[in-house]
Structure formats: C-alpha cells, structure tokens
Amino acid sequence: MNLTRNFVENFPCFSIVLCMVAGIVSTPMKGNQAKRLTLIVVTLVTVMSAATLFYVISIGDSFIYTMGKYPAPWGNEIRAGVLESMLAMVFSLVMLFSLLGGMDHVFKDVPKEKINLYFILNDLLLSSLLAIIYTNDLFTGYVFVEINTIAACGMIMIRKVGRSLIAATRYMVMSLIGSGLFLIGLAMLYDITGHLLMENAHIAMIKLVQEGKYQIPLLVIISFITVGLAIKSGLYPFHSWMPDAYGYSTVSSSSILSSLVSKSYIILLIKIFYRVIGFDNIITSKIVNVLFVFGLVGMVMGSVGAIMAKDIYRMIAFSSIAQIGYIYMGIGLATEAGMIAAIFHILTHAITKSLLFLAAKGLSNASGNQRAYPALQGAAYRHPLAGAAFLVGSLSMVGVPMLAGFISKLLFAVAALGAAPHKILITLIVLAVSTILNAIYFLHTVVRIYTPVNIPEEYKGIHFHSSKGVAFAVFCLICMNFVLGLLSQPITDLIQLGIAMFA
C-alpha cells in the first residue's frame, strides 16, 4: 500500500517532466511522429491526473512532493490536492480533444517544415499549465508563466497567415507587461517575507499582518500581482489582444488558448490569494472590489463586442472576454460560494469554448472557408455535426438547463445572494443583462446557420463529414458539457473540498 501511495505521489512531477521531455524528443522527428508522441503524452498525463485525483480523494488530504533532496525552505515543491488534480485532468482532456478536433487543419494551416515545432510548443504549453497548477513555489510559477507565454505566442504566429504575426506581437507585448508587473510583485513579496515557497511565505505573511508591518508595501504587492495576472488572462480592459490572437490561429490553437491558457493565470492568482497572502487579507485590501467592478464591466462589454462582430471567430473571441468577466466577478464577490462559482466556470468555459471553436471551423469549412455570417447561412445543414456542436455550445453559454453554463450562472446568482449587500443587486442585474446579450449573439448565429434559405448555388446538396478523430473529440466535449450540467453537485463538492485544502 505504501509503495502504491509513493508511486502515485510521483504522478504530478512525472506529468510535468514527461511533457518537457516529449518536447525535446520531438525536435528531430517528422510531423506525424511528433503528432503521435504528443497525443500519447497528453493521454498519459490525463490518466495520471485522474489517478492523482482519485488518490487525494481517497486519502482526504493534499500531499507535497519535494523535488530533489533539499527540503523546504531551500528546495522546490509540488503540491497536489483535489482542486489541482481535477484541474489538471480537465485541462489535459480539453487539450487532447482540441488537438484531435483540429488535427486535420494543423497539417493544412502550418507549414510542413514547422509541424513538429507546433507539437513541441503544445508539449511545452501543457508542461507549463501543469506546473502552474501544481507548483508550490512562487518563482517556479513565474518561470512556467513565461514558458506558457512563449509557447502560446509561438502557436499563434506559426501559421504566418493574415494578421497572425501582428496578433502574436500584440499578445507578446501585453503578456510581457503583465509578466513584468507580476515579477515585481514577487520580488517585493520575497523581500518582505524571505520565502518563495507558498506555505512558508504565508506563515511569514500572517506574522507581518499581525504585527502591522509593511501595510503599504503589502498593498502594492497585491496590486502588482493581481494586475499582472489580470492583464495576462485578458480581463477587461486588458483584452485587446484576444480577438486577433484567437481569430487568426489554427483551430486547435484557438481552442487551447481560449480554453486553457488564460485560465491558468487565474488559477495561479487564486493560489496566491489563498496559499500565500491569505484570502482574508485580500478582502481587507479591497482589491476584490476592483476585480468585481472590472468583471461586471467585462461581462457586458465583451458581450457588446460579440454582438458587433462580423464573423463567427471574432464573436467567440469577444464572448471569451465576457466569460473572463464572469470568473473575476465571482472572485470579486469575496465569498466561498463566489469562488466555487468562479472555479466551476473555469471548467465550463474550458470545455465549451473548445467545442465552439471546433464547431465554428467545421461551419466555416462548409461555407468555402468563409467566416462572415452571410456565408454561414445554412451551414448547419451542410455540416450537421458542426451545427449540432455549435448549438450545444451556444445553449450552454446562454445558460439553458442541463448544460454546464446553466449551472455556472445559477452558482453565480446564488453566490450573489450571500455576498455583501451592496453587491447583491448589481450582480443580479448584470448577470441578467449579460445572459440576454449572450442569447442575442449566440442564438443569432444559431438561427443563421440553421436557416436554409438563400444558400449559394455551389453549396446546395453538399454535405461535409468530419474525420473519426474530429467526430470523437466533438462528441466527448458535448458529453463533458452535459456531465457538468447534470452532475454538478459532486463537482462543486470537490471544488469546495479543494478550496478547503487550499485554506
């Protein structure tokens, strides 16, 4: 039994290292070989993450894995609890299905000589996502934030079509601004605490707060770290890079970037709030009120941008801005219920946005590779699977019962009722307004693709069929959406348990 326990506790470290090694090994490989290796690695990581989740549930506690022979405070640590392992499992699954669903287009969109590089970037990206989720060390978190940024930027610009280089440059500039602020905040935090391991820094932080020391520097630290990661995650008004970054990438890149990369920075921010600074200190600093306001504004302005968008890709990208607003609004409620809703919506958005981008690509293929709404008319009849996938994703984002998005909005509404009195009414109003706006742009698109009139002559009678890999990926993402919608109680219980382990 002890041998099994010791073996399973290696899985988080194995997952990170395996992805990094896969990136190195893929360097001399041909495109198809690198593709197979990446898919095998992502599958193995998913299995190990699931095993880790079942293990921490069975022991009822988190565990810490010490890297090398040096213990704290000098050594590096990985920490795995319910929340970390669940996020790692879902993120790995979404990456797997995003790659499978967009695989045909990777070989069409990416230059032949760069295909192995594309899968190397995916390996490094998954490694950085897992490291950000599992790390118990602040500087290690920063290092993998930068690896995450570089890999994501490479995935945007590798296509070299249209405005992809401009989009990648804009993404890099905004990300580096966020990284710089984050690094300054970490440096100041290390200066006043003397620690980089999260638990040690938290103990030092408690002592400083009790003694009333460094109150203004502490507020500056919280502000720099929060703003830095908010910029990197695309919180309004730091969102200008998102529409082009998502709109001009390959479909797999768009799915992964929108579903996973932005969320990883929010997860790191939540970890720092709970495990380093202490959420009570965050509430005292009033930074949650700032996140709350910008989250509410983002919910509305992102939806307005989606309504004004002229093509389906930019509409989905602007919708992501609104969904990021939902997450920050939940954090800004400054309650456990709000945090549970925010983390549940991270899962909802990860699954649904990947599904929507894959569906949008299928609809575009069935319309002569056009993305503008007039060309998409009737596309759901030409590509039934893509139409059904887009319908499910849209209904989820609008908040139709039985789907993940409905549970997210219900959790946000319930959390609002338990928040501070001045936040209750404004949250419920903006939540209602945002839902109406969601319905306007998503259902408008659904109606458009299911309207069988004025179909161009060259498309009449044509039906597009996806490969088995694409169909499997889309079907699994649809099923995951229903799982979150129908089995939400066990999932929210796990999130609550994970937050308790954080605290």
Protein backbone atom coordinates (compact mmCIF):
# COMPACT_ATOMS: atom_id res chain seq x y z
CA MET A 1 0.00 0.00 0.00
CA ASN A 2 2.78 2.43 0.91
CA LEU A 3 4.58 1.56 -2.32
CA THR A 4 1.44 2.39 -4.30
CA ARG A 5 1.00 5.66 -2.41
CA ASN A 6 4.60 6.66 -3.02
CA PHE A 7 4.27 5.80 -6.70
CA VAL A 8 1.06 7.80 -7.24
CA GLU A 9 2.55 10.82 -5.48
CA ASN A 10 5.14 10.96 -8.27
CA PHE A 11 2.48 11.44 -10.95
CA PRO A 12 2.30 15.28 -10.87
CA CYS A 13 6.08 15.51 -11.28
CA PHE A 14 6.06 12.74 -13.90
CA SER A 15 3.41 14.63 -15.87
CA ILE A 16 5.38 17.87 -15.99
CA VAL A 17 8.69 16.20 -16.82
CA LEU A 18 7.12 13.86 -19.39
CA CYS A 19 5.73 16.82 -21.36
CA MET A 20 9.08 18.62 -21.28
CA VAL A 21 10.95 15.50 -22.39
CA ALA A 22 8.43 14.95 -25.19
CA GLY A 23 9.14 18.47 -26.44
CA ILE A 24 12.88 17.73 -26.55
CA VAL A 25 12.49 14.30 -28.14
CA SER A 26 10.14 15.69 -30.82
CA THR A 27 12.80 18.09 -32.13
CA PRO A 28 14.36 15.74 -34.73
CA MET A 29 11.07 13.99 -35.52
CA LYS A 30 8.89 14.37 -38.56
CA GLY A 31 5.45 15.94 -38.23
CA ASN A 32 3.45 12.70 -37.99
CA GLN A 33 5.85 11.21 -35.45
CA ALA A 34 5.70 14.35 -33.29
CA LYS A 35 1.90 14.28 -33.53
CA ARG A 36 1.69 10.69 -32.32
CA LEU A 37 4.11 11.34 -29.47
CA THR A 38 2.17 14.42 -28.33
CA LEU A 39 -1.16 12.59 -28.37
CA ILE A 40 0.33 9.69 -26.40
CA VAL A 41 1.85 12.04 -23.84
CA VAL A 42 -1.36 14.06 -23.38
CA THR A 43 -3.31 10.82 -22.93
CA LEU A 44 -0.83 9.55 -20.32
CA VAL A 45 -0.96 12.87 -18.49
CA THR A 46 -4.77 12.67 -18.42
CA VAL A 47 -4.63 9.17 -16.94
CA MET A 48 -2.05 10.18 -14.32
CA SER A 49 -4.07 13.27 -13.39
CA ALA A 50 -7.20 11.15 -12.96
CA ALA A 51 -5.26 8.68 -10.81
CA THR A 52 -3.94 11.54 -8.69
CA LEU A 53 -7.47 12.91 -8.26
CA PHE A 54 -8.83 9.55 -7.07
CA TYR A 55 -5.84 9.18 -4.76
CA VAL A 56 -6.24 12.54 -3.00
CA ILE A 57 -10.00 11.93 -2.67
CA SER A 58 -9.28 8.55 -1.07
CA ILE A 59 -6.81 9.94 1.49
CA GLY A 60 -8.91 13.07 2.09
CA ASP A 61 -5.92 15.39 2.04
CA SER A 62 -3.35 17.00 -0.24
CA PHE A 63 0.27 15.91 -0.44
CA ILE A 64 3.56 17.66 -1.10
CA TYR A 65 6.23 16.21 -3.37
CA THR A 66 9.73 17.50 -2.69
CA MET A 67 11.92 17.98 -5.77
CA GLY A 68 15.40 16.58 -5.22
CA LYS A 69 16.97 16.02 -1.79
CA TYR A 70 16.65 19.53 -0.42
CA PRO A 71 13.67 20.19 1.88
CA ALA A 72 11.91 23.50 2.45
CA PRO A 73 12.73 26.33 2.54
CA TRP A 74 15.58 25.71 0.07
CA GLY A 75 14.12 23.02 -2.11
CA ASN A 76 11.32 23.15 -4.66
CA GLU A 77 7.95 21.55 -4.06
CA ILE A 78 4.90 20.31 -5.92
CA ARG A 79 1.58 20.26 -4.11
CA ALA A 80 -1.39 18.17 -5.24
CA GLY A 81 -4.86 18.37 -3.76
CA VAL A 82 -8.35 17.78 -5.07
CA LEU A 83 -8.56 21.09 -6.91
CA GLU A 84 -5.14 20.85 -8.55
CA SER A 85 -5.58 17.27 -9.76
CA MET A 86 -9.13 17.93 -11.03
CA LEU A 87 -7.97 20.99 -12.98
CA ALA A 88 -5.02 19.04 -14.38
CA MET A 89 -7.31 16.23 -15.53
CA VAL A 90 -9.85 18.55 -17.19
CA PHE A 91 -7.14 20.70 -18.82
CA SER A 92 -5.40 17.60 -20.21
CA LEU A 93 -8.68 16.28 -21.59
CA VAL A 94 -9.54 19.59 -23.23
CA MET A 95 -6.08 19.80 -24.79
CA LEU A 96 -6.38 16.25 -26.09
CA PHE A 97 -9.77 16.90 -27.67
CA SER A 98 -8.67 20.28 -29.03
CA LEU A 99 -5.72 18.64 -30.78
CA LEU A 100 -7.81 15.75 -32.10
CA GLY A 101 -10.58 18.09 -33.26
CA GLY A 102 -8.22 20.40 -35.12
CA MET A 103 -5.64 17.87 -36.29
CA ASP A 104 -6.70 17.92 -39.94
CA HIS A 105 -6.27 21.67 -40.06
CA VAL A 106 -2.88 21.65 -38.36
CA PHE A 107 -1.40 19.84 -41.36
CA LYS A 108 -3.14 22.29 -43.71
CA ASP A 109 -2.50 25.56 -41.89
CA VAL A 110 1.02 25.01 -40.55
CA PRO A 111 3.97 24.89 -43.00
CA LYS A 112 5.17 21.31 -43.45
CA GLU A 113 8.63 22.02 -42.06
CA LYS A 114 7.12 23.56 -38.90
CA ILE A 115 4.64 20.84 -37.96
CA ASN A 116 6.96 19.13 -35.48
CA LEU A 117 7.64 22.58 -33.94
CA TYR A 118 3.90 23.04 -33.49
CA PHE A 119 3.66 19.86 -31.42
CA ILE A 120 6.79 20.80 -29.46
CA LEU A 121 5.02 24.03 -28.49
CA ASN A 122 1.97 22.04 -27.40
CA ASP A 123 4.15 19.80 -25.24
CA LEU A 124 5.79 22.81 -23.58
CA LEU A 125 2.43 24.50 -23.13
CA LEU A 126 0.91 21.50 -21.35
CA SER A 127 4.03 21.20 -19.19
CA SER A 128 3.73 24.84 -18.15
CA LEU A 129 -0.01 24.53 -17.48
CA LEU A 130 0.58 21.55 -15.21
CA ALA A 131 3.48 23.26 -13.44
CA ILE A 132 1.38 26.37 -12.78
CA ILE A 133 -1.40 24.19 -11.38
CA TYR A 134 0.83 22.02 -9.17
CA THR A 135 3.74 24.23 -8.13
CA ASN A 136 4.18 25.19 -4.51
CA ASP A 137 6.95 27.67 -5.34
CA LEU A 138 6.31 31.24 -6.46
CA PHE A 139 9.39 31.66 -8.63
CA THR A 140 8.80 28.33 -10.34
CA GLY A 141 5.31 29.59 -11.05
CA TYR A 142 6.77 32.70 -12.69
CA VAL A 143 9.21 30.66 -14.79
CA PHE A 144 6.44 28.49 -16.16
CA VAL A 145 4.22 31.53 -16.73
CA GLU A 146 6.92 32.74 -19.13
CA ILE A 147 7.22 29.33 -20.79
CA ASN A 148 3.45 29.37 -21.14
CA THR A 149 3.57 32.81 -22.76
CA ILE A 150 6.34 31.91 -25.22
CA ALA A 151 4.69 28.64 -26.25
CA ALA A 152 1.30 30.34 -26.72
CA CYS A 153 2.86 33.13 -28.77
CA GLY A 154 4.59 30.58 -30.98
CA MET A 155 1.32 28.74 -31.54
CA ILE A 156 -0.28 31.99 -32.73
CA MET A 157 2.46 33.09 -35.13
CA ILE A 158 3.40 29.69 -36.57
CA ARG A 159 0.61 29.88 -39.13
CA LYS A 160 2.08 33.01 -40.82
CA VAL A 161 -1.22 33.88 -42.46
CA GLY A 162 -3.14 37.16 -42.45
CA ARG A 163 -2.67 39.07 -39.24
CA SER A 164 -1.21 36.19 -37.22
CA LEU A 165 2.18 37.92 -36.80
CA ILE A 166 0.50 41.14 -35.69
CA ALA A 167 -1.73 39.19 -33.32
CA ALA A 168 1.28 37.36 -31.87
CA THR A 169 3.19 40.62 -31.39
CA ARG A 170 0.25 42.26 -29.64
CA TYR A 171 -0.18 39.18 -27.47
CA MET A 172 3.51 39.17 -26.54
CA VAL A 173 3.58 42.89 -25.67
CA MET A 174 0.54 42.66 -23.39
CA SER A 175 1.78 39.44 -21.81
CA LEU A 176 5.21 40.89 -21.08
CA ILE A 177 3.64 43.90 -19.40
CA GLY A 178 1.65 41.52 -17.21
CA SER A 179 4.70 39.35 -16.55
CA GLY A 180 6.76 42.38 -15.56
CA LEU A 181 4.21 43.53 -13.01
CA PHE A 182 3.87 40.01 -11.67
CA LEU A 183 7.64 39.64 -11.29
CA ILE A 184 7.96 42.99 -9.49
CA GLY A 185 5.22 41.88 -7.10
CA LEU A 186 7.00 38.56 -6.43
CA ALA A 187 10.34 40.31 -5.87
CA MET A 188 8.77 42.65 -3.32
CA LEU A 189 6.99 39.73 -1.65
CA TYR A 190 10.27 37.85 -1.33
CA ASP A 191 11.91 40.98 0.04
CA ILE A 192 9.47 41.31 2.96
CA THR A 193 8.90 37.60 3.68
CA GLY A 194 12.22 35.99 2.74
CA HIS A 195 10.46 32.98 1.21
CA LEU A 196 9.35 31.73 -2.20
CA LEU A 197 7.63 28.51 -1.12
CA MET A 198 3.96 29.31 -0.74
CA GLU A 199 3.39 27.84 2.71
CA ASN A 200 6.50 29.49 4.18
CA ALA A 201 5.60 32.82 2.62
CA HIS A 202 2.09 32.51 4.03
CA ILE A 203 3.38 31.91 7.56
CA ALA A 204 5.61 34.96 7.27
CA MET A 205 2.71 36.95 5.85
CA ILE A 206 0.47 36.08 8.82
CA LYS A 207 3.17 37.31 11.21
CA LEU A 208 3.64 40.58 9.31
CA VAL A 209 -0.09 41.28 9.28
CA GLN A 210 -0.41 40.54 12.99
CA GLU A 211 2.45 42.92 13.74
CA GLY A 212 1.04 45.59 11.42
CA LYS A 213 4.25 45.80 9.37
CA TYR A 214 4.67 46.72 5.68
CA GLN A 215 1.00 47.59 5.17
CA ILE A 216 1.55 49.87 2.18
CA PRO A 217 4.19 47.60 0.51
CA LEU A 218 1.81 44.68 1.01
CA LEU A 219 -0.97 46.58 -0.77
CA VAL A 220 1.42 47.38 -3.63
CA ILE A 221 2.44 43.71 -3.85
CA ILE A 222 -1.17 42.56 -4.03
CA SER A 223 -1.91 45.18 -6.68
CA PHE A 224 1.08 44.30 -8.88
CA ILE A 225 0.46 40.55 -8.73
CA THR A 226 -3.28 40.93 -9.35
CA VAL A 227 -3.00 43.42 -12.21
CA GLY A 228 -0.16 41.48 -13.82
CA LEU A 229 -2.11 38.23 -13.94
CA ALA A 230 -5.34 40.04 -14.86
CA ILE A 231 -3.59 41.51 -17.92
CA LYS A 232 -2.29 38.09 -18.93
CA SER A 233 -5.71 36.47 -18.53
CA GLY A 234 -7.50 39.11 -20.62
CA LEU A 235 -9.67 40.82 -18.01
CA TYR A 236 -11.42 43.88 -19.46
CA PRO A 237 -9.96 46.43 -20.34
CA PHE A 238 -6.75 44.42 -20.98
CA HIS A 239 -8.42 42.31 -23.63
CA SER A 240 -7.40 43.95 -26.90
CA TRP A 241 -5.09 41.09 -27.92
CA MET A 242 -7.74 38.37 -27.63
CA PRO A 243 -9.89 38.71 -30.80
CA ASP A 244 -6.93 38.61 -33.21
CA ALA A 245 -4.99 36.00 -31.22
CA TYR A 246 -7.95 33.62 -31.27
CA GLY A 247 -9.22 34.60 -34.71
CA TYR A 248 -6.05 34.10 -36.75
CA SER A 249 -4.62 30.96 -35.13
CA THR A 250 -5.18 27.38 -36.22
CA VAL A 251 -8.37 25.95 -34.78
CA SER A 252 -6.51 23.80 -32.24
CA SER A 253 -4.51 26.83 -31.09
CA SER A 254 -7.65 28.95 -30.77
CA SER A 255 -9.32 26.21 -28.73
CA ILE A 256 -6.34 25.74 -26.42
CA LEU A 257 -5.55 29.43 -25.98
CA SER A 258 -9.11 30.45 -25.17
CA SER A 259 -9.93 27.40 -23.05
CA LEU A 260 -6.75 26.85 -21.05
CA VAL A 261 -4.02 29.47 -21.23
CA SER A 262 -5.98 32.43 -19.89
CA LYS A 263 -7.48 30.26 -17.14
CA SER A 264 -4.07 29.09 -15.92
CA TYR A 265 -3.18 32.64 -14.87
CA ILE A 266 -6.43 32.95 -12.94
CA ILE A 267 -5.71 29.65 -11.20
CA LEU A 268 -2.26 30.91 -10.19
CA LEU A 269 -3.84 34.11 -8.88
CA ILE A 270 -6.34 32.13 -6.79
CA LYS A 271 -3.50 30.01 -5.39
CA ILE A 272 -1.58 33.13 -4.37
CA PHE A 273 -4.70 34.66 -2.83
CA TYR A 274 -5.34 31.61 -0.66
CA ARG A 275 -1.98 29.96 -0.11
CA VAL A 276 0.37 32.97 0.11
CA ILE A 277 -1.36 36.19 1.08
CA GLY A 278 -4.48 34.75 2.69
CA PHE A 279 -7.94 35.46 1.35
CA ASP A 280 -8.91 37.44 4.43
CA ASN A 281 -6.02 39.81 3.74
CA ILE A 282 -7.11 40.06 0.10
CA ILE A 283 -10.61 41.07 1.23
CA THR A 284 -9.14 43.63 3.62
CA SER A 285 -7.06 45.13 0.82
CA LYS A 286 -10.27 45.82 -1.18
CA ILE A 287 -8.64 44.50 -4.36
CA VAL A 288 -11.61 42.13 -4.71
CA ASN A 289 -13.85 45.16 -5.21
CA VAL A 290 -11.71 46.26 -8.14
CA LEU A 291 -11.89 42.78 -9.67
CA PHE A 292 -15.63 42.76 -9.06
CA VAL A 293 -16.19 46.04 -10.93
CA PHE A 294 -13.99 45.16 -13.89
CA GLY A 295 -15.53 41.70 -14.02
CA LEU A 296 -19.03 43.18 -14.27
CA VAL A 297 -17.95 45.65 -16.94
CA GLY A 298 -16.22 42.87 -18.87
CA MET A 299 -19.37 40.74 -18.79
CA VAL A 300 -21.28 43.48 -20.59
CA MET A 301 -18.60 44.96 -22.86
CA GLY A 302 -17.40 41.56 -24.03
CA SER A 303 -20.96 40.68 -24.99
CA VAL A 304 -21.42 44.03 -26.77
CA GLY A 305 -18.23 43.32 -28.75
CA ALA A 306 -19.55 39.87 -29.66
CA ILE A 307 -22.83 41.36 -30.92
CA MET A 308 -20.92 43.84 -33.10
CA ALA A 309 -18.56 41.19 -34.51
CA LYS A 310 -18.97 40.45 -38.21
CA ASP A 311 -17.67 36.89 -38.24
CA ILE A 312 -18.10 33.81 -36.09
CA TYR A 313 -14.49 33.61 -34.85
CA ARG A 314 -14.39 37.15 -33.51
CA MET A 315 -17.80 36.64 -31.94
CA ILE A 316 -16.49 33.63 -29.98
CA ALA A 317 -13.34 35.57 -29.05
CA PHE A 318 -15.31 38.54 -27.69
CA SER A 319 -17.53 36.08 -25.84
CA SER A 320 -14.40 34.85 -24.05
CA ILE A 321 -13.84 38.39 -22.76
CA ALA A 322 -17.31 38.29 -21.22
CA GLN A 323 -16.70 34.85 -19.71
CA ILE A 324 -13.41 36.00 -18.15
CA GLY A 325 -15.50 38.80 -16.61
CA TYR A 326 -17.81 36.19 -15.06
CA ILE A 327 -14.86 34.48 -13.38
CA TYR A 328 -13.43 37.70 -11.94
CA MET A 329 -16.88 38.80 -10.83
CA GLY A 330 -17.18 35.54 -8.87
CA ILE A 331 -13.80 36.11 -7.24
CA GLY A 332 -14.80 39.72 -6.52
CA LEU A 333 -17.85 38.58 -4.54
CA ALA A 334 -15.29 37.69 -1.85
CA THR A 335 -17.18 34.63 -0.60
CA GLU A 336 -16.55 30.90 -0.73
CA ALA A 337 -19.68 30.47 -2.87
CA GLY A 338 -18.38 33.08 -5.31
CA MET A 339 -15.04 31.32 -5.56
CA ILE A 340 -16.73 27.95 -6.14
CA ALA A 341 -18.80 29.53 -8.93
CA ALA A 342 -15.68 31.10 -10.47
CA ILE A 343 -13.74 27.82 -10.48
CA PHE A 344 -16.74 25.89 -11.82
CA HIS A 345 -16.99 28.45 -14.62
CA ILE A 346 -13.32 27.91 -15.42
CA LEU A 347 -14.22 24.28 -16.13
CA THR A 348 -17.37 25.27 -18.03
CA HIS A 349 -15.56 27.78 -20.21
CA ALA A 350 -12.63 25.45 -20.89
CA ILE A 351 -14.91 22.73 -22.24
CA THR A 352 -17.43 24.91 -24.05
CA LYS A 353 -15.04 27.31 -25.78
CA SER A 354 -13.03 24.43 -27.23
CA LEU A 355 -16.27 22.94 -28.53
CA LEU A 356 -17.37 26.26 -30.05
CA PHE A 357 -14.10 26.88 -31.90
CA LEU A 358 -14.04 23.35 -33.32
CA ALA A 359 -17.67 23.73 -34.41
CA ALA A 360 -17.00 27.16 -35.93
CA LYS A 361 -14.18 25.73 -38.02
CA GLY A 362 -16.44 22.99 -39.33
CA LEU A 363 -19.13 25.53 -40.25
CA SER A 364 -16.51 27.69 -41.96
CA ASN A 365 -15.23 24.71 -43.97
CA ALA A 366 -18.78 24.04 -45.13
CA SER A 367 -19.02 27.64 -46.33
CA GLY A 368 -15.99 27.90 -48.57
CA ASN A 369 -13.71 28.74 -45.62
CA GLN A 370 -15.66 31.95 -45.08
CA ARG A 371 -16.27 33.15 -41.53
CA ALA A 372 -18.63 36.06 -42.15
CA TYR A 373 -22.26 35.50 -41.18
CA PRO A 374 -23.81 35.78 -44.67
CA ALA A 375 -21.63 32.93 -45.95
CA LEU A 376 -22.53 30.74 -42.96
CA GLN A 377 -26.23 30.72 -43.68
CA GLY A 378 -27.48 27.14 -43.76
CA ALA A 379 -24.02 25.80 -42.80
CA ALA A 380 -25.50 23.50 -40.15
CA TYR A 381 -27.29 21.57 -42.90
CA ARG A 382 -24.08 21.25 -44.89
CA HIS A 383 -22.12 20.11 -41.82
CA PRO A 384 -24.62 18.56 -39.35
CA LEU A 385 -22.05 17.60 -36.69
CA ALA A 386 -20.56 21.09 -36.54
CA GLY A 387 -24.05 22.57 -36.41
CA ALA A 388 -25.08 20.33 -33.51
CA ALA A 389 -21.85 21.07 -31.64
CA PHE A 390 -22.28 24.82 -32.08
CA LEU A 391 -25.89 24.54 -30.93
CA VAL A 392 -24.92 22.72 -27.72
CA GLY A 393 -22.05 25.14 -27.02
CA SER A 394 -24.25 28.17 -27.64
CA LEU A 395 -27.08 26.92 -25.44
CA SER A 396 -24.56 26.23 -22.70
CA MET A 397 -23.13 29.74 -22.87
CA VAL A 398 -26.63 31.22 -22.82
CA GLY A 399 -27.48 29.15 -19.74
CA VAL A 400 -30.00 26.55 -20.85
CA PRO A 401 -30.75 23.87 -18.19
CA MET A 402 -28.94 20.51 -18.31
CA LEU A 403 -25.81 22.17 -19.68
CA ALA A 404 -22.72 23.43 -17.88
CA GLY A 405 -23.38 27.13 -18.49
CA PHE A 406 -26.71 26.96 -16.69
CA ILE A 407 -25.05 25.64 -13.54
CA SER A 408 -22.39 28.35 -13.73
CA LYS A 409 -24.95 31.13 -13.87
CA LEU A 410 -27.04 29.52 -11.17
CA LEU A 411 -23.98 29.30 -8.91
CA PHE A 412 -23.14 32.95 -9.57
CA ALA A 413 -26.70 34.02 -8.75
CA VAL A 414 -26.76 32.01 -5.52
CA ALA A 415 -23.32 33.34 -4.56
CA ALA A 416 -24.51 36.92 -5.16
CA LEU A 417 -27.30 36.44 -2.62
CA GLY A 418 -24.72 35.64 0.04
CA ALA A 419 -22.36 38.50 -0.84
CA ALA A 420 -22.09 41.96 0.71
CA PRO A 421 -25.40 43.87 0.48
CA HIS A 422 -24.09 46.47 -1.95
CA LYS A 423 -23.05 43.72 -4.40
CA ILE A 424 -26.25 41.69 -4.49
CA LEU A 425 -28.50 43.79 -6.70
CA ILE A 426 -25.84 44.94 -9.16
CA THR A 427 -24.61 41.36 -9.61
CA LEU A 428 -28.08 40.01 -10.33
CA ILE A 429 -28.85 42.84 -12.75
CA VAL A 430 -25.61 42.49 -14.70
CA LEU A 431 -25.98 38.71 -14.69
CA ALA A 432 -29.44 39.07 -16.24
CA VAL A 433 -28.30 41.67 -18.77
CA SER A 434 -25.30 39.58 -19.74
CA THR A 435 -27.47 36.50 -20.20
CA ILE A 436 -29.78 38.44 -22.53
CA LEU A 437 -26.79 39.70 -24.50
CA ASN A 438 -25.40 36.13 -24.66
CA ALA A 439 -28.69 34.98 -26.09
CA ILE A 440 -28.68 37.75 -28.71
CA TYR A 441 -25.34 36.91 -30.32
CA PHE A 442 -25.29 33.15 -29.84
CA LEU A 443 -28.86 32.49 -30.88
CA HIS A 444 -28.49 34.93 -33.78
CA THR A 445 -25.65 32.75 -35.04
CA VAL A 446 -27.59 29.54 -34.40
CA VAL A 447 -30.57 30.88 -36.34
CA ARG A 448 -28.26 31.94 -39.17
CA ILE A 449 -26.60 28.53 -39.55
CA TYR A 450 -29.97 26.74 -39.36
CA THR A 451 -31.75 28.98 -41.85
CA PRO A 452 -31.91 27.01 -45.15
CA VAL A 453 -32.67 29.93 -47.42
CA ASN A 454 -30.58 31.81 -49.92
CA ILE A 455 -27.98 29.05 -49.93
CA PRO A 456 -25.40 29.74 -52.64
CA GLU A 457 -25.89 27.50 -55.65
CA GLU A 458 -22.46 25.88 -55.35
CA TYR A 459 -23.23 24.65 -51.80
CA LYS A 460 -26.63 23.10 -52.47
CA GLY A 461 -26.69 19.38 -51.80
CA ILE A 462 -23.17 19.36 -50.36
CA HIS A 463 -22.62 17.68 -47.00
CA PHE A 464 -19.33 17.82 -45.14
CA HIS A 465 -18.26 15.00 -42.86
CA SER A 466 -15.61 15.14 -40.18
CA SER A 467 -12.90 12.54 -39.71
CA LYS A 468 -13.33 9.99 -36.94
CA GLY A 469 -10.86 11.87 -34.70
CA VAL A 470 -12.75 15.15 -35.06
CA ALA A 471 -16.13 13.48 -34.51
CA PHE A 472 -14.81 11.70 -31.41
CA ALA A 473 -13.38 14.93 -29.95
CA VAL A 474 -16.58 16.90 -30.57
CA PHE A 475 -18.76 14.12 -29.13
CA CYS A 476 -16.61 13.92 -25.97
CA LEU A 477 -16.72 17.69 -25.44
CA ILE A 478 -20.51 17.63 -25.80
CA CYS A 479 -20.69 14.80 -23.24
CA MET A 480 -18.42 16.71 -20.83
CA ASN A 481 -20.76 19.67 -21.09
CA PHE A 482 -23.71 17.52 -20.11
CA VAL A 483 -21.71 15.91 -17.29
CA LEU A 484 -21.04 19.33 -15.77
CA GLY A 485 -24.68 20.25 -16.25
CA LEU A 486 -26.21 17.07 -14.84
CA LEU A 487 -23.65 16.04 -12.21
CA SER A 488 -22.77 19.46 -10.88
CA GLN A 489 -23.26 18.67 -7.18
CA PRO A 490 -20.36 16.17 -6.86
CA ILE A 491 -18.15 18.53 -8.85
CA THR A 492 -18.95 21.58 -6.73
CA ASP A 493 -18.40 19.43 -3.62
CA LEU A 494 -14.92 18.58 -4.92
CA ILE A 495 -14.22 22.25 -5.63
CA GLN A 496 -15.32 23.17 -2.11
CA LEU A 497 -13.08 20.45 -0.68
CA GLY A 498 -10.19 21.70 -2.82
CA ILE A 499 -10.63 25.26 -1.60
CA ALA A 500 -10.70 23.98 1.99
CA MET A 501 -7.39 22.23 1.33
CA PHE A 502 -6.03 25.49 -0.09
CA ALA A 503 -7.00 27.38 3.04
